[in-house]
Amino acid sequence: MKANHNTPSPPSSSRQSARLRAAGIIVLALGLAGAALVYCMGTPAEDYSDDPFTAQAYKKELRDTEVNFGKTGLIVNDLWADLGRPSTQAVLISASAILAAAGCFYFARLLDQDLTK
C-alpha cells in the first residue's frame, strides 16, 4: 500500500483573504441580527415617574451615592443602569460586530495588497 506523505501546502493569500471577507460578513450579519433580537426581546424599563415615593427614594439613593462615592460614583451608577437597557445592549453588540467585521475586511485587504507586490 502506498502512503501519501505529502505535506499539505498552506492556503494561498487569496484564499485567506476570501476566508477573512466571508468571516467578516458572517460576524457582521450575526452581530446585527443578535442586536436586533436583544432590542426586540428585551423588556423596557419600568416607569415609576408618577409615583412620588419612588421619586423621593431615587433622589435619596442618588444623594447617598454622591456623598459616599462622589461624582465618579454617580457616573458609574448611571452607566450601570444604562447597561441594563436593551437599547444600550443592542448598540454595544452592533458596535462590536462592526469593529470585528472591519478588522476582518482590513486584514483581507492587507493580504490582497501583499499579492499585488
PDB file of N, CA and C in Angstrom:
ATOM      1  N   MET A   1       0.824  -1.159   0.000  1.00  0.00           N
ATOM      2  CA  MET A   1       0.000   0.000   0.000  1.00  0.00           C
ATOM      3  C   MET A   1       0.879   1.237   0.000  1.00  0.00           C
ATOM      4  N   LYS A   2       0.531   2.180  -0.826  1.00  0.00           N
ATOM      5  CA  LYS A   2       1.310   3.399  -0.922  1.00  0.00           C
ATOM      6  C   LYS A   2       0.775   4.437   0.053  1.00  0.00           C
ATOM      7  N   ALA A   3       1.664   5.045   0.765  1.00  0.00           N
ATOM      8  CA  ALA A   3       1.253   6.108   1.696  1.00  0.00           C
ATOM      9  C   ALA A   3       1.572   7.461   1.070  1.00  0.00           C
ATOM     10  N   ASN A   4       0.669   8.366   1.212  1.00  0.00           N
ATOM     11  CA  ASN A   4       0.865   9.705   0.685  1.00  0.00           C
ATOM     12  C   ASN A   4       1.493  10.561   1.782  1.00  0.00           C
ATOM     13  N   HIS A   5       2.765  10.870   1.614  1.00  0.00           N
ATOM     14  CA  HIS A   5       3.496  11.627   2.635  1.00  0.00           C
ATOM     15  C   HIS A   5       3.666  13.086   2.251  1.00  0.00           C
ATOM     16  N   ASN A   6       2.860  13.566   1.381  1.00  0.00           N
ATOM     17  CA  ASN A   6       2.937  14.977   1.006  1.00  0.00           C
ATOM     18  C   ASN A   6       2.378  15.834   2.139  1.00  0.00           C
ATOM     19  N   THR A   7       3.107  16.862   2.453  1.00  0.00           N
ATOM     20  CA  THR A   7       2.599  17.779   3.470  1.00  0.00           C
ATOM     21  C   THR A   7       1.634  18.748   2.802  1.00  0.00           C
ATOM     22  N   PRO A   8       0.550  19.060   3.481  1.00  0.00           N
ATOM     23  CA  PRO A   8      -0.401  19.986   2.869  1.00  0.00           C
ATOM     24  C   PRO A   8       0.216  21.379   2.749  1.00  0.00           C
ATOM     25  N   SER A   9      -0.009  21.989   1.624  1.00  0.00           N
ATOM     26  CA  SER A   9       0.534  23.332   1.419  1.00  0.00           C
ATOM     27  C   SER A   9      -0.337  24.343   2.178  1.00  0.00           C
ATOM     28  N   PRO A  10       0.288  25.390   2.664  1.00  0.00           N
ATOM     29  CA  PRO A  10      -0.509  26.401   3.371  1.00  0.00           C
ATOM     30  C   PRO A  10      -1.448  27.094   2.380  1.00  0.00           C
ATOM     31  N   PRO A  11      -2.590  27.536   2.850  1.00  0.00           N
ATOM     32  CA  PRO A  11      -3.523  28.186   1.946  1.00  0.00           C
ATOM     33  C   PRO A  11      -2.916  29.459   1.362  1.00  0.00           C
ATOM     34  N   SER A  12      -3.246  29.731   0.137  1.00  0.00           N
ATOM     35  CA  SER A  12      -2.692  30.910  -0.515  1.00  0.00           C
ATOM     36  C   SER A  12      -3.289  32.172   0.100  1.00  0.00           C
ATOM     37  N   SER A  13      -2.633  33.288  -0.173  1.00  0.00           N
ATOM     38  CA  SER A  13      -3.092  34.555   0.395  1.00  0.00           C
ATOM     39  C   SER A  13      -4.456  34.951  -0.136  1.00  0.00           C
ATOM     40  N   SER A  14      -4.734  34.626  -1.399  1.00  0.00           N
ATOM     41  CA  SER A  14      -6.041  34.975  -1.944  1.00  0.00           C
ATOM     42  C   SER A  14      -7.136  34.153  -1.271  1.00  0.00           C
ATOM     43  N   ARG A  15      -6.823  32.908  -0.963  1.00  0.00           N
ATOM     44  CA  ARG A  15      -7.793  32.064  -0.265  1.00  0.00           C
ATOM     45  C   ARG A  15      -8.011  32.563   1.166  1.00  0.00           C
ATOM     46  N   GLN A  16      -6.930  32.977   1.805  1.00  0.00           N
ATOM     47  CA  GLN A  16      -7.050  33.510   3.162  1.00  0.00           C
ATOM     48  C   GLN A  16      -7.844  34.812   3.183  1.00  0.00           C
ATOM     49  N   SER A  17      -7.613  35.678   2.206  1.00  0.00           N
ATOM     50  CA  SER A  17      -8.360  36.937   2.184  1.00  0.00           C
ATOM     51  C   SER A  17      -9.840  36.688   1.899  1.00  0.00           C
ATOM     52  N   ALA A  18     -10.147  35.696   1.080  1.00  0.00           N
ATOM     53  CA  ALA A  18     -11.556  35.357   0.838  1.00  0.00           C
ATOM     54  C   ALA A  18     -12.199  34.814   2.108  1.00  0.00           C
ATOM     55  N   ARG A  19     -11.458  34.028   2.860  1.00  0.00           N
ATOM     56  CA  ARG A  19     -11.981  33.500   4.127  1.00  0.00           C
ATOM     57  C   ARG A  19     -12.201  34.630   5.139  1.00  0.00           C
ATOM     58  N   LEU A  20     -11.278  35.572   5.169  1.00  0.00           N
ATOM     59  CA  LEU A  20     -11.435  36.701   6.088  1.00  0.00           C
ATOM     60  C   LEU A  20     -12.645  37.548   5.712  1.00  0.00           C
ATOM     61  N   ARG A  21     -12.857  37.758   4.424  1.00  0.00           N
ATOM     62  CA  ARG A  21     -14.039  38.518   3.995  1.00  0.00           C
ATOM     63  C   ARG A  21     -15.326  37.776   4.360  1.00  0.00           C
ATOM     64  N   ALA A  22     -15.326  36.477   4.138  1.00  0.00           N
ATOM     65  CA  ALA A  22     -16.508  35.687   4.487  1.00  0.00           C
ATOM     66  C   ALA A  22     -16.748  35.735   6.000  1.00  0.00           C
ATOM     67  N   ALA A  23     -15.675  35.637   6.779  1.00  0.00           N
ATOM     68  CA  ALA A  23     -15.813  35.717   8.241  1.00  0.00           C
ATOM     69  C   ALA A  23     -16.336  37.091   8.649  1.00  0.00           C
ATOM     70  N   GLY A  24     -15.860  38.136   7.986  1.00  0.00           N
ATOM     71  CA  GLY A  24     -16.340  39.485   8.285  1.00  0.00           C
ATOM     72  C   GLY A  24     -17.820  39.644   7.997  1.00  0.00           C
ATOM     73  N   ILE A  25     -18.262  39.083   6.884  1.00  0.00           N
ATOM     74  CA  ILE A  25     -19.684  39.157   6.533  1.00  0.00           C
ATOM     75  C   ILE A  25     -20.528  38.378   7.540  1.00  0.00           C
ATOM     76  N   ILE A  26     -20.053  37.199   7.921  1.00  0.00           N
ATOM     77  CA  ILE A  26     -20.797  36.369   8.877  1.00  0.00           C
ATOM     78  C   ILE A  26     -20.866  37.061  10.247  1.00  0.00           C
ATOM     79  N   VAL A  27     -19.739  37.600  10.708  1.00  0.00           N
ATOM     80  CA  VAL A  27     -19.711  38.290  12.004  1.00  0.00           C
ATOM     81  C   VAL A  27     -20.645  39.494  11.982  1.00  0.00           C
ATOM     82  N   LEU A  28     -20.614  40.250  10.883  1.00  0.00           N
ATOM     83  CA  LEU A  28     -21.477  41.428  10.781  1.00  0.00           C
ATOM     84  C   LEU A  28     -22.950  41.041  10.773  1.00  0.00           C
ATOM     85  N   ALA A  29     -23.293  40.028   9.991  1.00  0.00           N
ATOM     86  CA  ALA A  29     -24.694  39.606   9.911  1.00  0.00           C
ATOM     87  C   ALA A  29     -25.189  39.057  11.247  1.00  0.00           C
ATOM     88  N   LEU A  30     -24.398  38.189  11.872  1.00  0.00           N
ATOM     89  CA  LEU A  30     -24.810  37.613  13.157  1.00  0.00           C
ATOM     90  C   LEU A  30     -24.866  38.680  14.255  1.00  0.00           C
ATOM     91  N   GLY A  31     -23.922  39.608  14.255  1.00  0.00           N
ATOM     92  CA  GLY A  31     -23.918  40.659  15.260  1.00  0.00           C
ATOM     93  C   GLY A  31     -25.128  41.573  15.142  1.00  0.00           C
ATOM     94  N   LEU A  32     -25.452  41.978  13.914  1.00  0.00           N
ATOM     95  CA  LEU A  32     -26.610  42.850  13.730  1.00  0.00           C
ATOM     96  C   LEU A  32     -27.912  42.111  14.020  1.00  0.00           C
ATOM     97  N   ALA A  33     -27.977  40.829  13.641  1.00  0.00           N
ATOM     98  CA  ALA A  33     -29.175  40.042  13.954  1.00  0.00           C
ATOM     99  C   ALA A  33     -29.315  39.850  15.465  1.00  0.00           C
ATOM    100  N   GLY A  34     -28.205  39.600  16.142  1.00  0.00           N
ATOM    101  CA  GLY A  34     -28.243  39.453  17.594  1.00  0.00           C
ATOM    102  C   GLY A  34     -28.644  40.743  18.290  1.00  0.00           C
ATOM    103  N   ALA A  35     -28.154  41.866  17.783  1.00  0.00           N
ATOM    104  CA  ALA A  35     -28.522  43.156  18.367  1.00  0.00           C
ATOM    105  C   ALA A  35     -30.012  43.429  18.178  1.00  0.00           C
ATOM    106  N   ALA A  36     -30.526  43.105  16.999  1.00  0.00           N
ATOM    107  CA  ALA A  36     -31.960  43.293  16.751  1.00  0.00           C
ATOM    108  C   ALA A  36     -32.788  42.398  17.662  1.00  0.00           C
ATOM    109  N   LEU A  37     -32.322  41.176  17.861  1.00  0.00           N
ATOM    110  CA  LEU A  37     -33.027  40.240  18.730  1.00  0.00           C
ATOM    111  C   LEU A  37     -33.030  40.729  20.177  1.00  0.00           C
ATOM    112  N   VAL A  38     -31.892  41.198  20.653  1.00  0.00           N
ATOM    113  CA  VAL A  38     -31.805  41.717  22.022  1.00  0.00           C
ATOM    114  C   VAL A  38     -32.712  42.930  22.184  1.00  0.00           C
ATOM    115  N   TYR A  39     -32.726  43.797  21.184  1.00  0.00           N
ATOM    116  CA  TYR A  39     -33.547  45.003  21.261  1.00  0.00           C
ATOM    117  C   TYR A  39     -35.041  44.657  21.257  1.00  0.00           C
ATOM    118  N   CYS A  40     -35.431  43.718  20.399  1.00  0.00           N
ATOM    119  CA  CYS A  40     -36.857  43.369  20.296  1.00  0.00           C
ATOM    120  C   CYS A  40     -37.336  42.535  21.479  1.00  0.00           C
ATOM    121  N   MET A  41     -36.494  41.645  21.978  1.00  0.00           N
ATOM    122  CA  MET A  41     -36.904  40.740  23.046  1.00  0.00           C
ATOM    123  C   MET A  41     -36.699  41.326  24.444  1.00  0.00           C
ATOM    124  N   GLY A  42     -35.922  42.392  24.532  1.00  0.00           N
ATOM    125  CA  GLY A  42     -35.626  42.993  25.835  1.00  0.00           C
ATOM    126  C   GLY A  42     -36.851  43.644  26.441  1.00  0.00           C
ATOM    127  N   THR A  43     -36.914  43.602  27.757  1.00  0.00           N
ATOM    128  CA  THR A  43     -38.040  44.227  28.449  1.00  0.00           C
ATOM    129  C   THR A  43     -37.688  45.676  28.736  1.00  0.00           C
ATOM    130  N   PRO A  44     -38.579  46.596  28.419  1.00  0.00           N
ATOM    131  CA  PRO A  44     -38.288  48.004  28.698  1.00  0.00           C
ATOM    132  C   PRO A  44     -38.283  48.270  30.195  1.00  0.00           C
ATOM    133  N   ALA A  45     -37.575  49.303  30.562  1.00  0.00           N
ATOM    134  CA  ALA A  45     -37.507  49.674  31.975  1.00  0.00           C
ATOM    135  C   ALA A  45     -38.871  50.165  32.437  1.00  0.00           C
ATOM    136  N   GLU A  46     -39.211  49.822  33.670  1.00  0.00           N
ATOM    137  CA  GLU A  46     -40.497  50.249  34.211  1.00  0.00           C
ATOM    138  C   GLU A  46     -40.448  51.741  34.529  1.00  0.00           C
ATOM    139  N   ASP A  47     -41.555  52.422  34.284  1.00  0.00           N
ATOM    140  CA  ASP A  47     -41.624  53.859  34.504  1.00  0.00           C
ATOM    141  C   ASP A  47     -42.318  54.143  35.832  1.00  0.00           C
ATOM    142  N   TYR A  48     -41.529  54.631  36.775  1.00  0.00           N
ATOM    143  CA  TYR A  48     -42.069  54.963  38.087  1.00  0.00           C
ATOM    144  C   TYR A  48     -42.149  56.472  38.292  1.00  0.00           C
ATOM    145  N   SER A  49     -42.177  57.235  37.231  1.00  0.00           N
ATOM    146  CA  SER A  49     -42.128  58.687  37.365  1.00  0.00           C
ATOM    147  C   SER A  49     -43.384  59.257  38.021  1.00  0.00           C
ATOM    148  N   ASP A  50     -44.503  58.563  37.967  1.00  0.00           N
ATOM    149  CA  ASP A  50     -45.732  59.064  38.572  1.00  0.00           C
ATOM    150  C   ASP A  50     -45.806  58.798  40.071  1.00  0.00           C
ATOM    151  N   ASP A  51     -45.003  57.901  40.581  1.00  0.00           N
ATOM    152  CA  ASP A  51     -45.051  57.523  41.993  1.00  0.00           C
ATOM    153  C   ASP A  51     -44.141  58.453  42.804  1.00  0.00           C
ATOM    154  N   PRO A  52     -44.689  59.289  43.673  1.00  0.00           N
ATOM    155  CA  PRO A  52     -43.847  60.238  44.428  1.00  0.00           C
ATOM    156  C   PRO A  52     -42.909  59.546  45.412  1.00  0.00           C
ATOM    157  N   PHE A  53     -43.307  58.401  45.948  1.00  0.00           N
ATOM    158  CA  PHE A  53     -42.451  57.701  46.899  1.00  0.00           C
ATOM    159  C   PHE A  53     -41.207  57.146  46.214  1.00  0.00           C
ATOM    160  N   THR A  54     -41.390  56.653  45.003  1.00  0.00           N
ATOM    161  CA  THR A  54     -40.251  56.123  44.260  1.00  0.00           C
ATOM    162  C   THR A  54     -39.304  57.247  43.861  1.00  0.00           C
ATOM    163  N   ALA A  55     -39.862  58.362  43.431  1.00  0.00           N
ATOM    164  CA  ALA A  55     -39.023  59.501  43.056  1.00  0.00           C
ATOM    165  C   ALA A  55     -38.228  60.001  44.249  1.00  0.00           C
ATOM    166  N   GLN A  56     -38.863  60.047  45.413  1.00  0.00           N
ATOM    167  CA  GLN A  56     -38.179  60.506  46.622  1.00  0.00           C
ATOM    168  C   GLN A  56     -37.079  59.522  47.020  1.00  0.00           C
ATOM    169  N   ALA A  57     -37.360  58.236  46.934  1.00  0.00           N
ATOM    170  CA  ALA A  57     -36.359  57.220  47.272  1.00  0.00           C
ATOM    171  C   ALA A  57     -35.188  57.270  46.285  1.00  0.00           C
ATOM    172  N   TYR A  58     -35.482  57.514  45.006  1.00  0.00           N
ATOM    173  CA  TYR A  58     -34.440  57.601  43.992  1.00  0.00           C
ATOM    174  C   TYR A  58     -33.524  58.795  44.261  1.00  0.00           C
ATOM    175  N   LYS A  59     -34.111  59.935  44.631  1.00  0.00           N
ATOM    176  CA  LYS A  59     -33.302  61.103  44.939  1.00  0.00           C
ATOM    177  C   LYS A  59     -32.417  60.852  46.152  1.00  0.00           C
ATOM    178  N   LYS A  60     -32.976  60.171  47.153  1.00  0.00           N
ATOM    179  CA  LYS A  60     -32.200  59.852  48.352  1.00  0.00           C
ATOM    180  C   LYS A  60     -31.052  58.908  48.012  1.00  0.00           C
ATOM    181  N   GLU A  61     -31.349  57.926  47.175  1.00  0.00           N
ATOM    182  CA  GLU A  61     -30.298  56.981  46.766  1.00  0.00           C
ATOM    183  C   GLU A  61     -29.182  57.691  46.011  1.00  0.00           C
ATOM    184  N   LEU A  62     -29.546  58.593  45.092  1.00  0.00           N
ATOM    185  CA  LEU A  62     -28.540  59.344  44.349  1.00  0.00           C
ATOM    186  C   LEU A  62     -27.712  60.226  45.280  1.00  0.00           C
ATOM    187  N   ARG A  63     -28.349  60.855  46.235  1.00  0.00           N
ATOM    188  CA  ARG A  63     -27.636  61.718  47.175  1.00  0.00           C
ATOM    189  C   ARG A  63     -26.680  60.901  48.041  1.00  0.00           C
ATOM    190  N   ASP A  64     -27.134  59.751  48.523  1.00  0.00           N
ATOM    191  CA  ASP A  64     -26.257  58.880  49.318  1.00  0.00           C
ATOM    192  C   ASP A  64     -25.063  58.410  48.496  1.00  0.00           C
ATOM    193  N   THR A  65     -25.309  58.062  47.237  1.00  0.00           N
ATOM    194  CA  THR A  65     -24.215  57.621  46.366  1.00  0.00           C
ATOM    195  C   THR A  65     -23.217  58.754  46.163  1.00  0.00           C
ATOM    196  N   GLU A  66     -23.720  59.968  45.956  1.00  0.00           N
ATOM    197  CA  GLU A  66     -22.831  61.107  45.747  1.00  0.00           C
ATOM    198  C   GLU A  66     -22.011  61.412  46.990  1.00  0.00           C
ATOM    199  N   VAL A  67     -22.628  61.315  48.160  1.00  0.00           N
ATOM    200  CA  VAL A  67     -21.900  61.590  49.403  1.00  0.00           C
ATOM    201  C   VAL A  67     -20.828  60.527  49.635  1.00  0.00           C
ATOM    202  N   ASN A  68     -21.163  59.272  49.424  1.00  0.00           N
ATOM    203  CA  ASN A  68     -20.227  58.184  49.712  1.00  0.00           C
ATOM    204  C   ASN A  68     -19.139  58.012  48.658  1.00  0.00           C
ATOM    205  N   PHE A  69     -19.477  58.210  47.375  1.00  0.00           N
ATOM    206  CA  PHE A  69     -18.532  57.892  46.306  1.00  0.00           C
ATOM    207  C   PHE A  69     -18.179  59.080  45.418  1.00  0.00           C
ATOM    208  N   GLY A  70     -18.824  60.222  45.609  1.00  0.00           N
ATOM    209  CA  GLY A  70     -18.521  61.403  44.819  1.00  0.00           C
ATOM    210  C   GLY A  70     -19.174  61.349  43.445  1.00  0.00           C
ATOM    211  N   LYS A  71     -18.706  62.251  42.596  1.00  0.00           N
ATOM    212  CA  LYS A  71     -19.269  62.339  41.240  1.00  0.00           C
ATOM    213  C   LYS A  71     -18.970  61.088  40.424  1.00  0.00           C
ATOM    214  N   THR A  72     -17.834  60.475  40.683  1.00  0.00           N
ATOM    215  CA  THR A  72     -17.491  59.248  39.968  1.00  0.00           C
ATOM    216  C   THR A  72     -18.484  58.145  40.279  1.00  0.00           C
ATOM    217  N   GLY A  73     -18.927  58.076  41.509  1.00  0.00           N
ATOM    218  CA  GLY A  73     -19.927  57.083  41.880  1.00  0.00           C
ATOM    219  C   GLY A  73     -21.233  57.287  41.153  1.00  0.00           C
ATOM    220  N   LEU A  74     -21.622  58.553  40.952  1.00  0.00           N
ATOM    221  CA  LEU A  74     -22.837  58.843  40.192  1.00  0.00           C
ATOM    222  C   LEU A  74     -22.693  58.415  38.739  1.00  0.00           C
ATOM    223  N   ILE A  75     -21.523  58.678  38.172  1.00  0.00           N
ATOM    224  CA  ILE A  75     -21.291  58.289  36.771  1.00  0.00           C
ATOM    225  C   ILE A  75     -21.345  56.781  36.626  1.00  0.00           C
ATOM    226  N   VAL A  76     -20.693  56.062  37.530  1.00  0.00           N
ATOM    227  CA  VAL A  76     -20.698  54.597  37.468  1.00  0.00           C
ATOM    228  C   VAL A  76     -22.107  54.057  37.688  1.00  0.00           C
ATOM    229  N   ASN A  77     -22.852  54.666  38.606  1.00  0.00           N
ATOM    230  CA  ASN A  77     -24.234  54.250  38.862  1.00  0.00           C
ATOM    231  C   ASN A  77     -25.099  54.441  37.618  1.00  0.00           C
ATOM    232  N   ASP A  78     -24.960  55.592  36.951  1.00  0.00           N
ATOM    233  CA  ASP A  78     -25.714  55.842  35.727  1.00  0.00           C
ATOM    234  C   ASP A  78     -25.309  54.881  34.611  1.00  0.00           C
ATOM    235  N   LEU A  79     -24.007  54.631  34.499  1.00  0.00           N
ATOM    236  CA  LEU A  79     -23.519  53.706  33.467  1.00  0.00           C
ATOM    237  C   LEU A  79     -24.065  52.310  33.714  1.00  0.00           C
ATOM    238  N   TRP A  80     -24.045  51.881  34.963  1.00  0.00           N
ATOM    239  CA  TRP A  80     -24.548  50.539  35.299  1.00  0.00           C
ATOM    240  C   TRP A  80     -26.035  50.419  34.985  1.00  0.00           C
ATOM    241  N   ALA A  81     -26.794  51.463  35.270  1.00  0.00           N
ATOM    242  CA  ALA A  81     -28.231  51.449  34.960  1.00  0.00           C
ATOM    243  C   ALA A  81     -28.457  51.436  33.456  1.00  0.00           C
ATOM    244  N   ASP A  82     -27.636  52.172  32.713  1.00  0.00           N
ATOM    245  CA  ASP A  82     -27.782  52.203  31.257  1.00  0.00           C
ATOM    246  C   ASP A  82     -27.435  50.864  30.618  1.00  0.00           C
ATOM    247  N   LEU A  83     -26.485  50.144  31.182  1.00  0.00           N
ATOM    248  CA  LEU A  83     -26.096  48.846  30.611  1.00  0.00           C
ATOM    249  C   LEU A  83     -27.202  47.805  30.728  1.00  0.00           C
ATOM    250  N   GLY A  84     -28.153  48.026  31.603  1.00  0.00           N
ATOM    251  CA  GLY A  84     -29.268  47.094  31.762  1.00  0.00           C
ATOM    252  C   GLY A  84     -30.381  47.306  30.747  1.00  0.00           C
ATOM    253  N   ARG A  85     -30.290  48.368  29.975  1.00  0.00           N
ATOM    254  CA  ARG A  85     -31.334  48.656  28.994  1.00  0.00           C
ATOM    255  C   ARG A  85     -31.071  47.915  27.690  1.00  0.00           C
ATOM    256  N   PRO A  86     -32.117  47.358  27.080  1.00  0.00           N
ATOM    257  CA  PRO A  86     -31.921  46.622  25.824  1.00  0.00           C
ATOM    258  C   PRO A  86     -31.383  47.489  24.692  1.00  0.00           C
ATOM    259  N   SER A  87     -31.751  48.753  24.652  1.00  0.00           N
ATOM    260  CA  SER A  87     -31.263  49.608  23.569  1.00  0.00           C
ATOM    261  C   SER A  87     -29.752  49.809  23.675  1.00  0.00           C
ATOM    262  N   THR A  88     -29.250  50.002  24.878  1.00  0.00           N
ATOM    263  CA  THR A  88     -27.808  50.162  25.067  1.00  0.00           C
ATOM    264  C   THR A  88     -27.075  48.869  24.746  1.00  0.00           C
ATOM    265  N   GLN A  89     -27.632  47.748  25.167  1.00  0.00           N
ATOM    266  CA  GLN A  89     -27.015  46.465  24.856  1.00  0.00           C
ATOM    267  C   GLN A  89     -26.968  46.231  23.354  1.00  0.00           C
ATOM    268  N   ALA A  90     -28.040  46.587  22.653  1.00  0.00           N
ATOM    269  CA  ALA A  90     -28.081  46.407  21.199  1.00  0.00           C
ATOM    270  C   ALA A  90     -27.038  47.283  20.511  1.00  0.00           C
ATOM    271  N   VAL A  91     -26.863  48.497  20.989  1.00  0.00           N
ATOM    272  CA  VAL A  91     -25.858  49.383  20.400  1.00  0.00           C
ATOM    273  C   VAL A  91     -24.455  48.819  20.623  1.00  0.00           C
ATOM    274  N   LEU A  92     -24.187  48.317  21.815  1.00  0.00           N
ATOM    275  CA  LEU A  92     -22.871  47.741  22.106  1.00  0.00           C
ATOM    276  C   LEU A  92     -22.598  46.500  21.263  1.00  0.00           C
ATOM    277  N   ILE A  93     -23.605  45.651  21.089  1.00  0.00           N
ATOM    278  CA  ILE A  93     -23.440  44.454  20.266  1.00  0.00           C
ATOM    279  C   ILE A  93     -23.189  44.854  18.813  1.00  0.00           C
ATOM    280  N   SER A  94     -23.943  45.824  18.306  1.00  0.00           N
ATOM    281  CA  SER A  94     -23.761  46.284  16.928  1.00  0.00           C
ATOM    282  C   SER A  94     -22.372  46.877  16.726  1.00  0.00           C
ATOM    283  N   ALA A  95     -21.947  47.722  17.657  1.00  0.00           N
ATOM    284  CA  ALA A  95     -20.630  48.349  17.534  1.00  0.00           C
ATOM    285  C   ALA A  95     -19.516  47.309  17.565  1.00  0.00           C
ATOM    286  N   SER A  96     -19.647  46.309  18.423  1.00  0.00           N
ATOM    287  CA  SER A  96     -18.634  45.251  18.496  1.00  0.00           C
ATOM    288  C   SER A  96     -18.589  44.446  17.205  1.00  0.00           C
ATOM    289  N   ALA A  97     -19.746  44.127  16.657  1.00  0.00           N
ATOM    290  CA  ALA A  97     -19.798  43.373  15.406  1.00  0.00           C
ATOM    291  C   ALA A  97     -19.206  44.176  14.256  1.00  0.00           C
ATOM    292  N   ILE A  98     -19.501  45.465  14.221  1.00  0.00           N
ATOM    293  CA  ILE A  98     -18.962  46.314  13.154  1.00  0.00           C
ATOM    294  C   ILE A  98     -17.439  46.412  13.265  1.00  0.00           C
ATOM    295  N   LEU A  99     -16.928  46.572  14.473  1.00  0.00           N
ATOM    296  CA  LEU A  99     -15.473  46.636  14.651  1.00  0.00           C
ATOM    297  C   LEU A  99     -14.785  45.325  14.273  1.00  0.00           C
ATOM    298  N   ALA A 100     -15.372  44.204  14.678  1.00  0.00           N
ATOM    299  CA  ALA A 100     -14.783  42.907  14.346  1.00  0.00           C
ATOM    300  C   ALA A 100     -14.811  42.667  12.829  1.00  0.00           C
ATOM    301  N   ALA A 101     -15.921  42.997  12.185  1.00  0.00           N
ATOM    302  CA  ALA A 101     -16.024  42.826  10.735  1.00  0.00           C
ATOM    303  C   ALA A 101     -15.059  43.763  10.021  1.00  0.00           C
ATOM    304  N   ALA A 102     -14.935  45.000  10.501  1.00  0.00           N
ATOM    305  CA  ALA A 102     -13.992  45.940   9.888  1.00  0.00           C
ATOM    306  C   ALA A 102     -12.562  45.426   9.995  1.00  0.00           C
ATOM    307  N   GLY A 103     -12.232  44.796  11.125  1.00  0.00           N
ATOM    308  CA  GLY A 103     -10.912  44.193  11.268  1.00  0.00           C
ATOM    309  C   GLY A 103     -10.686  43.072  10.266  1.00  0.00           C
ATOM    310  N   CYS A 104     -11.684  42.247  10.076  1.00  0.00           N
ATOM    311  CA  CYS A 104     -11.566  41.164   9.084  1.00  0.00           C
ATOM    312  C   CYS A 104     -11.365  41.733   7.685  1.00  0.00           C
ATOM    313  N   PHE A 105     -12.150  42.740   7.325  1.00  0.00           N
ATOM    314  CA  PHE A 105     -12.025  43.341   5.988  1.00  0.00           C
ATOM    315  C   PHE A 105     -10.675  44.041   5.823  1.00  0.00           C
ATOM    316  N   TYR A 106     -10.203  44.671   6.885  1.00  0.00           N
ATOM    317  CA  TYR A 106      -8.910  45.355   6.819  1.00  0.00           C
ATOM    318  C   TYR A 106      -7.779  44.355   6.576  1.00  0.00           C
ATOM    319  N   PHE A 107      -7.764  43.268   7.326  1.00  0.00           N
ATOM    320  CA  PHE A 107      -6.694  42.287   7.155  1.00  0.00           C
ATOM    321  C   PHE A 107      -6.805  41.560   5.817  1.00  0.00           C
ATOM    322  N   ALA A 108      -8.015  41.389   5.320  1.00  0.00           N
ATOM    323  CA  ALA A 108      -8.178  40.799   3.989  1.00  0.00           C
ATOM    324  C   ALA A 108      -7.603  41.733   2.930  1.00  0.00           C
ATOM    325  N   ARG A 109      -7.806  43.025   3.108  1.00  0.00           N
ATOM    326  CA  ARG A 109      -7.262  43.990   2.155  1.00  0.00           C
ATOM    327  C   ARG A 109      -5.737  44.004   2.218  1.00  0.00           C
ATOM    328  N   LEU A 110      -5.170  43.874   3.424  1.00  0.00           N
ATOM    329  CA  LEU A 110      -3.720  43.806   3.541  1.00  0.00           C
ATOM    330  C   LEU A 110      -3.160  42.587   2.824  1.00  0.00           C
ATOM    331  N   LEU A 111      -3.845  41.460   2.934  1.00  0.00           N
ATOM    332  CA  LEU A 111      -3.400  40.256   2.232  1.00  0.00           C
ATOM    333  C   LEU A 111      -3.476  40.449   0.723  1.00  0.00           C
ATOM    334  N   ASP A 112      -4.516  41.122   0.248  1.00  0.00           N
ATOM    335  CA  ASP A 112      -4.636  41.381  -1.184  1.00  0.00           C
ATOM    336  C   ASP A 112      -3.543  42.313  -1.671  1.00  0.00           C
ATOM    337  N   GLN A 113      -3.139  43.286  -0.857  1.00  0.00           N
ATOM    338  CA  GLN A 113      -2.067  44.195  -1.244  1.00  0.00           C
ATOM    339  C   GLN A 113      -0.741  43.459  -1.298  1.00  0.00           C
ATOM    340  N   ASP A 114      -0.545  42.468  -0.425  1.00  0.00           N
ATOM    341  CA  ASP A 114       0.673  41.671  -0.463  1.00  0.00           C
ATOM    342  C   ASP A 114       0.755  40.856  -1.749  1.00  0.00           C
ATOM    343  N   LEU A 115      -0.392  40.453  -2.277  1.00  0.00           N
ATOM    344  CA  LEU A 115      -0.412  39.675  -3.506  1.00  0.00           C
ATOM    345  C   LEU A 115      -0.012  40.515  -4.713  1.00  0.00           C
ATOM    346  N   THR A 116      -0.350  41.781  -4.699  1.00  0.00           N
ATOM    347  CA  THR A 116      -0.079  42.618  -5.852  1.00  0.00           C
ATOM    348  C   THR A 116       1.374  43.087  -5.892  1.00  0.00           C
ATOM    349  N   LYS A 117       2.108  42.940  -4.805  1.00  0.00           N
ATOM    350  CA  LYS A 117       3.510  43.367  -4.781  1.00  0.00           C
ATOM    351  C   LYS A 117       4.398  42.376  -5.460  1.00  0.00           C
TER     352      LYS A 117
END
